[in-house]
Amino acid sequence: MSNQTAQSSKKPTYRLGFAPRTGTDNSGQPTLGYPIEIGAVFERRDAEKGMIAKFQIVPTDLKDGVLFLMPVRSEPESASASEKAAA
């Protein structure tokens, strides 16, 4: 199995999101638009080397917005079992 195949079979640690800046509010603070999921972050085999971010979408306004990480939540066991039964 190649490294790329091994990496893609792992589950991500974080979801990668982006919210574009849409303007400013009355107090001069930046306002953000609706956040969208643009990729995922995976752990590396050697954790001391950091993590890998894999983008599915690269926003054109990436420099004028906010990137954020959201933890991936595991599905409840009952949901997984019902999905397997439906397949």
PDB file of N, CA and C in Angstrom:
ATOM      1  N   MET A   1       0.855  -1.185   0.000  1.00  0.00           N
ATOM      2  CA  MET A   1       0.000   0.000   0.000  1.00  0.00           C
ATOM      3  C   MET A   1       0.894   1.239   0.000  1.00  0.00           C
ATOM      4  N   SER A   2       0.605   2.181  -0.857  1.00  0.00           N
ATOM      5  CA  SER A   2       1.409   3.402  -0.931  1.00  0.00           C
ATOM      6  C   SER A   2       1.087   4.323   0.234  1.00  0.00           C
ATOM      7  N   ASN A   3       1.970   5.307   0.472  1.00  0.00           N
ATOM      8  CA  ASN A   3       1.733   6.268   1.554  1.00  0.00           C
ATOM      9  C   ASN A   3       0.457   7.050   1.338  1.00  0.00           C
ATOM     10  N   GLN A   4       0.181   7.415   0.067  1.00  0.00           N
ATOM     11  CA  GLN A   4      -1.020   8.186  -0.225  1.00  0.00           C
ATOM     12  C   GLN A   4      -2.271   7.366   0.084  1.00  0.00           C
ATOM     13  N   THR A   5      -2.254   6.082  -0.273  1.00  0.00           N
ATOM     14  CA  THR A   5      -3.400   5.230   0.009  1.00  0.00           C
ATOM     15  C   THR A   5      -3.569   5.044   1.508  1.00  0.00           C
ATOM     16  N   ALA A   6      -2.456   4.848   2.220  1.00  0.00           N
ATOM     17  CA  ALA A   6      -2.524   4.694   3.675  1.00  0.00           C
ATOM     18  C   ALA A   6      -3.063   5.957   4.317  1.00  0.00           C
ATOM     19  N   GLN A   7      -2.635   7.126   3.831  1.00  0.00           N
ATOM     20  CA  GLN A   7      -3.094   8.397   4.398  1.00  0.00           C
ATOM     21  C   GLN A   7      -4.585   8.590   4.158  1.00  0.00           C
ATOM     22  N   SER A   8      -5.061   8.269   2.954  1.00  0.00           N
ATOM     23  CA  SER A   8      -6.462   8.514   2.645  1.00  0.00           C
ATOM     24  C   SER A   8      -7.393   7.559   3.374  1.00  0.00           C
ATOM     25  N   SER A   9      -6.879   6.393   3.838  1.00  0.00           N
ATOM     26  CA  SER A   9      -7.728   5.455   4.556  1.00  0.00           C
ATOM     27  C   SER A   9      -7.884   5.826   6.027  1.00  0.00           C
ATOM     28  N   LYS A  10      -7.019   6.708   6.542  1.00  0.00           N
ATOM     29  CA  LYS A  10      -7.142   7.157   7.925  1.00  0.00           C
ATOM     30  C   LYS A  10      -8.279   8.158   8.036  1.00  0.00           C
ATOM     31  N   LYS A  11      -8.877   8.203   9.202  1.00  0.00           N
ATOM     32  CA  LYS A  11      -9.915   9.199   9.447  1.00  0.00           C
ATOM     33  C   LYS A  11      -9.255  10.508   9.871  1.00  0.00           C
ATOM     34  N   PRO A  12      -9.828  11.634   9.453  1.00  0.00           N
ATOM     35  CA  PRO A  12      -9.226  12.922   9.827  1.00  0.00           C
ATOM     36  C   PRO A  12      -9.386  13.207  11.317  1.00  0.00           C
ATOM     37  N   THR A  13      -8.470  14.006  11.832  1.00  0.00           N
ATOM     38  CA  THR A  13      -8.521  14.454  13.216  1.00  0.00           C
ATOM     39  C   THR A  13      -9.389  15.694  13.342  1.00  0.00           C
ATOM     40  N   TYR A  14      -9.302  16.571  12.343  1.00  0.00           N
ATOM     41  CA  TYR A  14     -10.065  17.820  12.322  1.00  0.00           C
ATOM     42  C   TYR A  14     -10.699  18.022  10.954  1.00  0.00           C
ATOM     43  N   ARG A  15     -11.797  18.761  10.947  1.00  0.00           N
ATOM     44  CA  ARG A  15     -12.382  19.260   9.702  1.00  0.00           C
ATOM     45  C   ARG A  15     -11.844  20.665   9.519  1.00  0.00           C
ATOM     46  N   LEU A  16     -11.508  21.032   8.290  1.00  0.00           N
ATOM     47  CA  LEU A  16     -10.949  22.337   7.983  1.00  0.00           C
ATOM     48  C   LEU A  16     -12.056  23.202   7.401  1.00  0.00           C
ATOM     49  N   GLY A  17     -12.295  24.353   8.027  1.00  0.00           N
ATOM     50  CA  GLY A  17     -13.365  25.238   7.586  1.00  0.00           C
ATOM     51  C   GLY A  17     -12.839  26.614   7.203  1.00  0.00           C
ATOM     52  N   PHE A  18     -13.656  27.362   6.487  1.00  0.00           N
ATOM     53  CA  PHE A  18     -13.301  28.708   6.067  1.00  0.00           C
ATOM     54  C   PHE A  18     -14.541  29.584   6.113  1.00  0.00           C
ATOM     55  N   ALA A  19     -14.372  30.799   6.628  1.00  0.00           N
ATOM     56  CA  ALA A  19     -15.452  31.792   6.632  1.00  0.00           C
ATOM     57  C   ALA A  19     -14.888  33.083   6.049  1.00  0.00           C
ATOM     58  N   PRO A  20     -15.475  33.584   4.950  1.00  0.00           N
ATOM     59  CA  PRO A  20     -14.974  34.821   4.354  1.00  0.00           C
ATOM     60  C   PRO A  20     -15.366  36.039   5.179  1.00  0.00           C
ATOM     61  N   ARG A  21     -14.509  37.048   5.154  1.00  0.00           N
ATOM     62  CA  ARG A  21     -14.847  38.307   5.808  1.00  0.00           C
ATOM     63  C   ARG A  21     -15.830  39.039   4.899  1.00  0.00           C
ATOM     64  N   THR A  22     -16.947  39.506   5.473  1.00  0.00           N
ATOM     65  CA  THR A  22     -17.989  40.147   4.670  1.00  0.00           C
ATOM     66  C   THR A  22     -18.087  41.644   4.897  1.00  0.00           C
ATOM     67  N   GLY A  23     -17.392  42.158   5.869  1.00  0.00           N
ATOM     68  CA  GLY A  23     -17.456  43.587   6.169  1.00  0.00           C
ATOM     69  C   GLY A  23     -17.106  43.837   7.611  1.00  0.00           C
ATOM     70  N   THR A  24     -17.653  44.926   8.160  1.00  0.00           N
ATOM     71  CA  THR A  24     -17.420  45.258   9.565  1.00  0.00           C
ATOM     72  C   THR A  24     -18.746  45.604  10.229  1.00  0.00           C
ATOM     73  N   ASP A  25     -18.780  45.380  11.542  1.00  0.00           N
ATOM     74  CA  ASP A  25     -19.996  45.721  12.284  1.00  0.00           C
ATOM     75  C   ASP A  25     -19.914  47.176  12.762  1.00  0.00           C
ATOM     76  N   ASN A  26     -20.888  47.598  13.554  1.00  0.00           N
ATOM     77  CA  ASN A  26     -20.950  48.994  14.027  1.00  0.00           C
ATOM     78  C   ASN A  26     -19.759  49.408  14.881  1.00  0.00           C
ATOM     79  N   SER A  27     -19.123  48.437  15.539  1.00  0.00           N
ATOM     80  CA  SER A  27     -17.971  48.761  16.384  1.00  0.00           C
ATOM     81  C   SER A  27     -16.644  48.620  15.634  1.00  0.00           C
ATOM     82  N   GLY A  28     -16.695  48.347  14.331  1.00  0.00           N
ATOM     83  CA  GLY A  28     -15.484  48.242  13.535  1.00  0.00           C
ATOM     84  C   GLY A  28     -14.853  46.863  13.495  1.00  0.00           C
ATOM     85  N   GLN A  29     -15.482  45.883  14.144  1.00  0.00           N
ATOM     86  CA  GLN A  29     -14.963  44.520  14.145  1.00  0.00           C
ATOM     87  C   GLN A  29     -15.358  43.814  12.847  1.00  0.00           C
ATOM     88  N   PRO A  30     -14.472  42.952  12.309  1.00  0.00           N
ATOM     89  CA  PRO A  30     -14.813  42.241  11.076  1.00  0.00           C
ATOM     90  C   PRO A  30     -15.994  41.293  11.285  1.00  0.00           C
ATOM     91  N   THR A  31     -16.853  41.190  10.285  1.00  0.00           N
ATOM     92  CA  THR A  31     -17.943  40.220  10.310  1.00  0.00           C
ATOM     93  C   THR A  31     -17.606  39.111   9.328  1.00  0.00           C
ATOM     94  N   LEU A  32     -18.037  37.916   9.649  1.00  0.00           N
ATOM     95  CA  LEU A  32     -17.731  36.751   8.826  1.00  0.00           C
ATOM     96  C   LEU A  32     -18.991  36.209   8.184  1.00  0.00           C
ATOM     97  N   GLY A  33     -18.825  35.658   6.980  1.00  0.00           N
ATOM     98  CA  GLY A  33     -19.924  35.009   6.286  1.00  0.00           C
ATOM     99  C   GLY A  33     -20.131  33.601   6.789  1.00  0.00           C
ATOM    100  N   TYR A  34     -20.996  32.891   6.121  1.00  0.00           N
ATOM    101  CA  TYR A  34     -21.327  31.519   6.496  1.00  0.00           C
ATOM    102  C   TYR A  34     -20.109  30.620   6.304  1.00  0.00           C
ATOM    103  N   PRO A  35     -19.712  29.853   7.320  1.00  0.00           N
ATOM    104  CA  PRO A  35     -18.542  28.985   7.178  1.00  0.00           C
ATOM    105  C   PRO A  35     -18.858  27.760   6.318  1.00  0.00           C
ATOM    106  N   ILE A  36     -17.858  27.328   5.552  1.00  0.00           N
ATOM    107  CA  ILE A  36     -18.002  26.113   4.752  1.00  0.00           C
ATOM    108  C   ILE A  36     -16.840  25.184   5.054  1.00  0.00           C
ATOM    109  N   GLU A  37     -17.066  23.901   4.911  1.00  0.00           N
ATOM    110  CA  GLU A  37     -16.012  22.919   5.103  1.00  0.00           C
ATOM    111  C   GLU A  37     -15.215  22.818   3.801  1.00  0.00           C
ATOM    112  N   ILE A  38     -13.899  22.987   3.898  1.00  0.00           N
ATOM    113  CA  ILE A  38     -13.083  22.980   2.695  1.00  0.00           C
ATOM    114  C   ILE A  38     -12.042  21.867   2.673  1.00  0.00           C
ATOM    115  N   GLY A  39     -11.959  21.070   3.721  1.00  0.00           N
ATOM    116  CA  GLY A  39     -10.983  19.990   3.742  1.00  0.00           C
ATOM    117  C   GLY A  39     -10.913  19.317   5.095  1.00  0.00           C
ATOM    118  N   ALA A  40      -9.799  18.634   5.322  1.00  0.00           N
ATOM    119  CA  ALA A  40      -9.616  17.888   6.564  1.00  0.00           C
ATOM    120  C   ALA A  40      -8.144  17.903   6.949  1.00  0.00           C
ATOM    121  N   VAL A  41      -7.887  17.620   8.224  1.00  0.00           N
ATOM    122  CA  VAL A  41      -6.530  17.566   8.749  1.00  0.00           C
ATOM    123  C   VAL A  41      -6.296  16.166   9.301  1.00  0.00           C
ATOM    124  N   PHE A  42      -5.159  15.587   8.904  1.00  0.00           N
ATOM    125  CA  PHE A  42      -4.818  14.225   9.298  1.00  0.00           C
ATOM    126  C   PHE A  42      -3.546  14.218  10.129  1.00  0.00           C
ATOM    127  N   GLU A  43      -3.468  13.271  11.073  1.00  0.00           N
ATOM    128  CA  GLU A  43      -2.245  13.090  11.849  1.00  0.00           C
ATOM    129  C   GLU A  43      -1.204  12.390  10.984  1.00  0.00           C
ATOM    130  N   ARG A  44       0.066  12.719  11.219  1.00  0.00           N
ATOM    131  CA  ARG A  44       1.157  12.024  10.541  1.00  0.00           C
ATOM    132  C   ARG A  44       1.611  10.869  11.411  1.00  0.00           C
ATOM    133  N   ARG A  45       2.291   9.929  10.812  1.00  0.00           N
ATOM    134  CA  ARG A  45       2.804   8.796  11.600  1.00  0.00           C
ATOM    135  C   ARG A  45       3.692   9.289  12.726  1.00  0.00           C
ATOM    136  N   ASP A  46       4.575  10.235  12.407  1.00  0.00           N
ATOM    137  CA  ASP A  46       5.447  10.835  13.410  1.00  0.00           C
ATOM    138  C   ASP A  46       4.800  12.149  13.860  1.00  0.00           C
ATOM    139  N   ALA A  47       4.132  12.119  14.989  1.00  0.00           N
ATOM    140  CA  ALA A  47       3.366  13.276  15.467  1.00  0.00           C
ATOM    141  C   ALA A  47       4.233  14.512  15.672  1.00  0.00           C
ATOM    142  N   GLU A  48       5.532  14.332  15.903  1.00  0.00           N
ATOM    143  CA  GLU A  48       6.427  15.480  16.104  1.00  0.00           C
ATOM    144  C   GLU A  48       6.609  16.294  14.825  1.00  0.00           C
ATOM    145  N   LYS A  49       6.255  15.740  13.689  1.00  0.00           N
ATOM    146  CA  LYS A  49       6.382  16.444  12.409  1.00  0.00           C
ATOM    147  C   LYS A  49       5.133  17.233  12.062  1.00  0.00           C
ATOM    148  N   GLY A  50       4.158  17.257  12.949  1.00  0.00           N
ATOM    149  CA  GLY A  50       2.948  18.041  12.717  1.00  0.00           C
ATOM    150  C   GLY A  50       1.825  17.231  12.101  1.00  0.00           C
ATOM    151  N   MET A  51       0.981  17.921  11.341  1.00  0.00           N
ATOM    152  CA  MET A  51      -0.181  17.298  10.720  1.00  0.00           C
ATOM    153  C   MET A  51      -0.227  17.671   9.241  1.00  0.00           C
ATOM    154  N   ILE A  52      -1.114  17.031   8.502  1.00  0.00           N
ATOM    155  CA  ILE A  52      -1.269  17.287   7.078  1.00  0.00           C
ATOM    156  C   ILE A  52      -2.665  17.830   6.826  1.00  0.00           C
ATOM    157  N   ALA A  53      -2.742  18.967   6.143  1.00  0.00           N
ATOM    158  CA  ALA A  53      -4.031  19.554   5.757  1.00  0.00           C
ATOM    159  C   ALA A  53      -4.289  19.206   4.298  1.00  0.00           C
ATOM    160  N   LYS A  54      -5.441  18.607   4.037  1.00  0.00           N
ATOM    161  CA  LYS A  54      -5.822  18.239   2.673  1.00  0.00           C
ATOM    162  C   LYS A  54      -7.038  19.078   2.299  1.00  0.00           C
ATOM    163  N   PHE A  55      -6.856  19.950   1.316  1.00  0.00           N
ATOM    164  CA  PHE A  55      -7.926  20.834   0.870  1.00  0.00           C
ATOM    165  C   PHE A  55      -8.733  20.161  -0.237  1.00  0.00           C
ATOM    166  N   GLN A  56     -10.051  20.173  -0.116  1.00  0.00           N
ATOM    167  CA  GLN A  56     -10.931  19.720  -1.192  1.00  0.00           C
ATOM    168  C   GLN A  56     -11.344  20.912  -2.041  1.00  0.00           C
ATOM    169  N   ILE A  57     -11.401  22.079  -1.412  1.00  0.00           N
ATOM    170  CA  ILE A  57     -11.752  23.334  -2.068  1.00  0.00           C
ATOM    171  C   ILE A  57     -10.753  24.381  -1.586  1.00  0.00           C
ATOM    172  N   VAL A  58     -10.256  25.216  -2.511  1.00  0.00           N
ATOM    173  CA  VAL A  58      -9.394  26.329  -2.128  1.00  0.00           C
ATOM    174  C   VAL A  58     -10.149  27.610  -2.485  1.00  0.00           C
ATOM    175  N   PRO A  59     -10.668  28.323  -1.472  1.00  0.00           N
ATOM    176  CA  PRO A  59     -11.429  29.548  -1.740  1.00  0.00           C
ATOM    177  C   PRO A  59     -10.569  30.609  -2.426  1.00  0.00           C
ATOM    178  N   THR A  60     -11.154  31.338  -3.371  1.00  0.00           N
ATOM    179  CA  THR A  60     -10.417  32.397  -4.058  1.00  0.00           C
ATOM    180  C   THR A  60     -10.108  33.558  -3.119  1.00  0.00           C
ATOM    181  N   ASP A  61     -10.937  33.753  -2.105  1.00  0.00           N
ATOM    182  CA  ASP A  61     -10.719  34.841  -1.151  1.00  0.00           C
ATOM    183  C   ASP A  61     -10.077  34.350   0.148  1.00  0.00           C
ATOM    184  N   LEU A  62      -9.208  33.361   0.036  1.00  0.00           N
ATOM    185  CA  LEU A  62      -8.572  32.746   1.197  1.00  0.00           C
ATOM    186  C   LEU A  62      -7.814  33.764   2.045  1.00  0.00           C
ATOM    187  N   LYS A  63      -7.195  34.761   1.409  1.00  0.00           N
ATOM    188  CA  LYS A  63      -6.415  35.756   2.170  1.00  0.00           C
ATOM    189  C   LYS A  63      -7.298  36.712   2.959  1.00  0.00           C
ATOM    190  N   ASP A  64      -8.571  36.775   2.637  1.00  0.00           N
ATOM    191  CA  ASP A  64      -9.477  37.719   3.292  1.00  0.00           C
ATOM    192  C   ASP A  64     -10.596  36.977   4.024  1.00  0.00           C
ATOM    193  N   GLY A  65     -10.196  36.075   4.903  1.00  0.00           N
ATOM    194  CA  GLY A  65     -11.167  35.311   5.662  1.00  0.00           C
ATOM    195  C   GLY A  65     -10.489  34.615   6.822  1.00  0.00           C
ATOM    196  N   VAL A  66     -11.167  33.658   7.392  1.00  0.00           N
ATOM    197  CA  VAL A  66     -10.670  32.945   8.560  1.00  0.00           C
ATOM    198  C   VAL A  66     -10.701  31.454   8.312  1.00  0.00           C
ATOM    199  N   LEU A  67      -9.569  30.781   8.548  1.00  0.00           N
ATOM    200  CA  LEU A  67      -9.509  29.322   8.535  1.00  0.00           C
ATOM    201  C   LEU A  67      -9.711  28.844   9.965  1.00  0.00           C
ATOM    202  N   PHE A  68     -10.413  27.746  10.131  1.00  0.00           N
ATOM    203  CA  PHE A  68     -10.586  27.213  11.472  1.00  0.00           C
ATOM    204  C   PHE A  68     -10.648  25.696  11.436  1.00  0.00           C
ATOM    205  N   LEU A  69     -10.317  25.082  12.560  1.00  0.00           N
ATOM    206  CA  LEU A  69     -10.333  23.636  12.708  1.00  0.00           C
ATOM    207  C   LEU A  69     -11.470  23.245  13.633  1.00  0.00           C
ATOM    208  N   MET A  70     -12.212  22.233  13.223  1.00  0.00           N
ATOM    209  CA  MET A  70     -13.300  21.722  14.047  1.00  0.00           C
ATOM    210  C   MET A  70     -13.016  20.249  14.321  1.00  0.00           C
ATOM    211  N   PRO A  71     -13.072  19.817  15.568  1.00  0.00           N
ATOM    212  CA  PRO A  71     -12.795  18.408  15.852  1.00  0.00           C
ATOM    213  C   PRO A  71     -13.815  17.507  15.167  1.00  0.00           C
ATOM    214  N   VAL A  72     -13.341  16.367  14.710  1.00  0.00           N
ATOM    215  CA  VAL A  72     -14.228  15.377  14.112  1.00  0.00           C
ATOM    216  C   VAL A  72     -14.853  14.587  15.246  1.00  0.00           C
ATOM    217  N   ARG A  73     -16.139  14.549  15.262  1.00  0.00           N
ATOM    218  CA  ARG A  73     -16.847  13.803  16.311  1.00  0.00           C
ATOM    219  C   ARG A  73     -17.172  12.420  15.800  1.00  0.00           C
ATOM    220  N   SER A  74     -16.972  11.440  16.657  1.00  0.00           N
ATOM    221  CA  SER A  74     -17.310  10.080  16.259  1.00  0.00           C
ATOM    222  C   SER A  74     -18.826   9.918  16.302  1.00  0.00           C
ATOM    223  N   GLU A  75     -19.322   9.114  15.374  1.00  0.00           N
ATOM    224  CA  GLU A  75     -20.756   8.890  15.312  1.00  0.00           C
ATOM    225  C   GLU A  75     -21.178   7.962  16.447  1.00  0.00           C
ATOM    226  N   PRO A  76     -22.382   8.136  16.957  1.00  0.00           N
ATOM    227  CA  PRO A  76     -22.864   7.207  17.977  1.00  0.00           C
ATOM    228  C   PRO A  76     -22.901   5.795  17.409  1.00  0.00           C
ATOM    229  N   GLU A  77     -22.638   4.830  18.246  1.00  0.00           N
ATOM    230  CA  GLU A  77     -22.587   3.433  17.812  1.00  0.00           C
ATOM    231  C   GLU A  77     -23.892   2.994  17.155  1.00  0.00           C
ATOM    232  N   SER A  78     -25.032   3.461  17.659  1.00  0.00           N
ATOM    233  CA  SER A  78     -26.322   3.057  17.099  1.00  0.00           C
ATOM    234  C   SER A  78     -26.493   3.577  15.673  1.00  0.00           C
ATOM    235  N   ALA A  79     -25.974   4.766  15.376  1.00  0.00           N
ATOM    236  CA  ALA A  79     -26.071   5.322  14.024  1.00  0.00           C
ATOM    237  C   ALA A  79     -25.227   4.500  13.066  1.00  0.00           C
ATOM    238  N   SER A  80     -24.037   4.084  13.500  1.00  0.00           N
ATOM    239  CA  SER A  80     -23.174   3.285  12.644  1.00  0.00           C
ATOM    240  C   SER A  80     -23.809   1.945  12.342  1.00  0.00           C
ATOM    241  N   ALA A  81     -24.421   1.334  13.341  1.00  0.00           N
ATOM    242  CA  ALA A  81     -25.045   0.034  13.160  1.00  0.00           C
ATOM    243  C   ALA A  81     -26.224   0.133  12.198  1.00  0.00           C
ATOM    244  N   SER A  82     -27.034   1.190  12.303  1.00  0.00           N
ATOM    245  CA  SER A  82     -28.177   1.331  11.413  1.00  0.00           C
ATOM    246  C   SER A  82     -27.743   1.614   9.980  1.00  0.00           C
ATOM    247  N   GLU A  83     -26.637   2.352   9.804  1.00  0.00           N
ATOM    248  CA  GLU A  83     -26.116   2.593   8.463  1.00  0.00           C
ATOM    249  C   GLU A  83     -25.602   1.307   7.837  1.00  0.00           C
ATOM    250  N   LYS A  84     -24.931   0.472   8.634  1.00  0.00           N
ATOM    251  CA  LYS A  84     -24.414  -0.802   8.122  1.00  0.00           C
ATOM    252  C   LYS A  84     -25.571  -1.719   7.741  1.00  0.00           C
ATOM    253  N   ALA A  85     -26.627  -1.705   8.526  1.00  0.00           N
ATOM    254  CA  ALA A  85     -27.783  -2.558   8.248  1.00  0.00           C
ATOM    255  C   ALA A  85     -28.493  -2.121   6.961  1.00  0.00           C
ATOM    256  N   ALA A  86     -28.481  -0.816   6.693  1.00  0.00           N
ATOM    257  CA  ALA A  86     -29.151  -0.300   5.504  1.00  0.00           C
ATOM    258  C   ALA A  86     -28.348  -0.617   4.232  1.00  0.00           C
ATOM    259  N   ALA A  87     -27.044  -0.819   4.375  1.00  0.00           N
ATOM    260  CA  ALA A  87     -26.176  -1.053   3.194  1.00  0.00           C
ATOM    261  C   ALA A  87     -26.276  -2.435   2.637  1.00  0.00           C
TER     262      ALA A  87
END
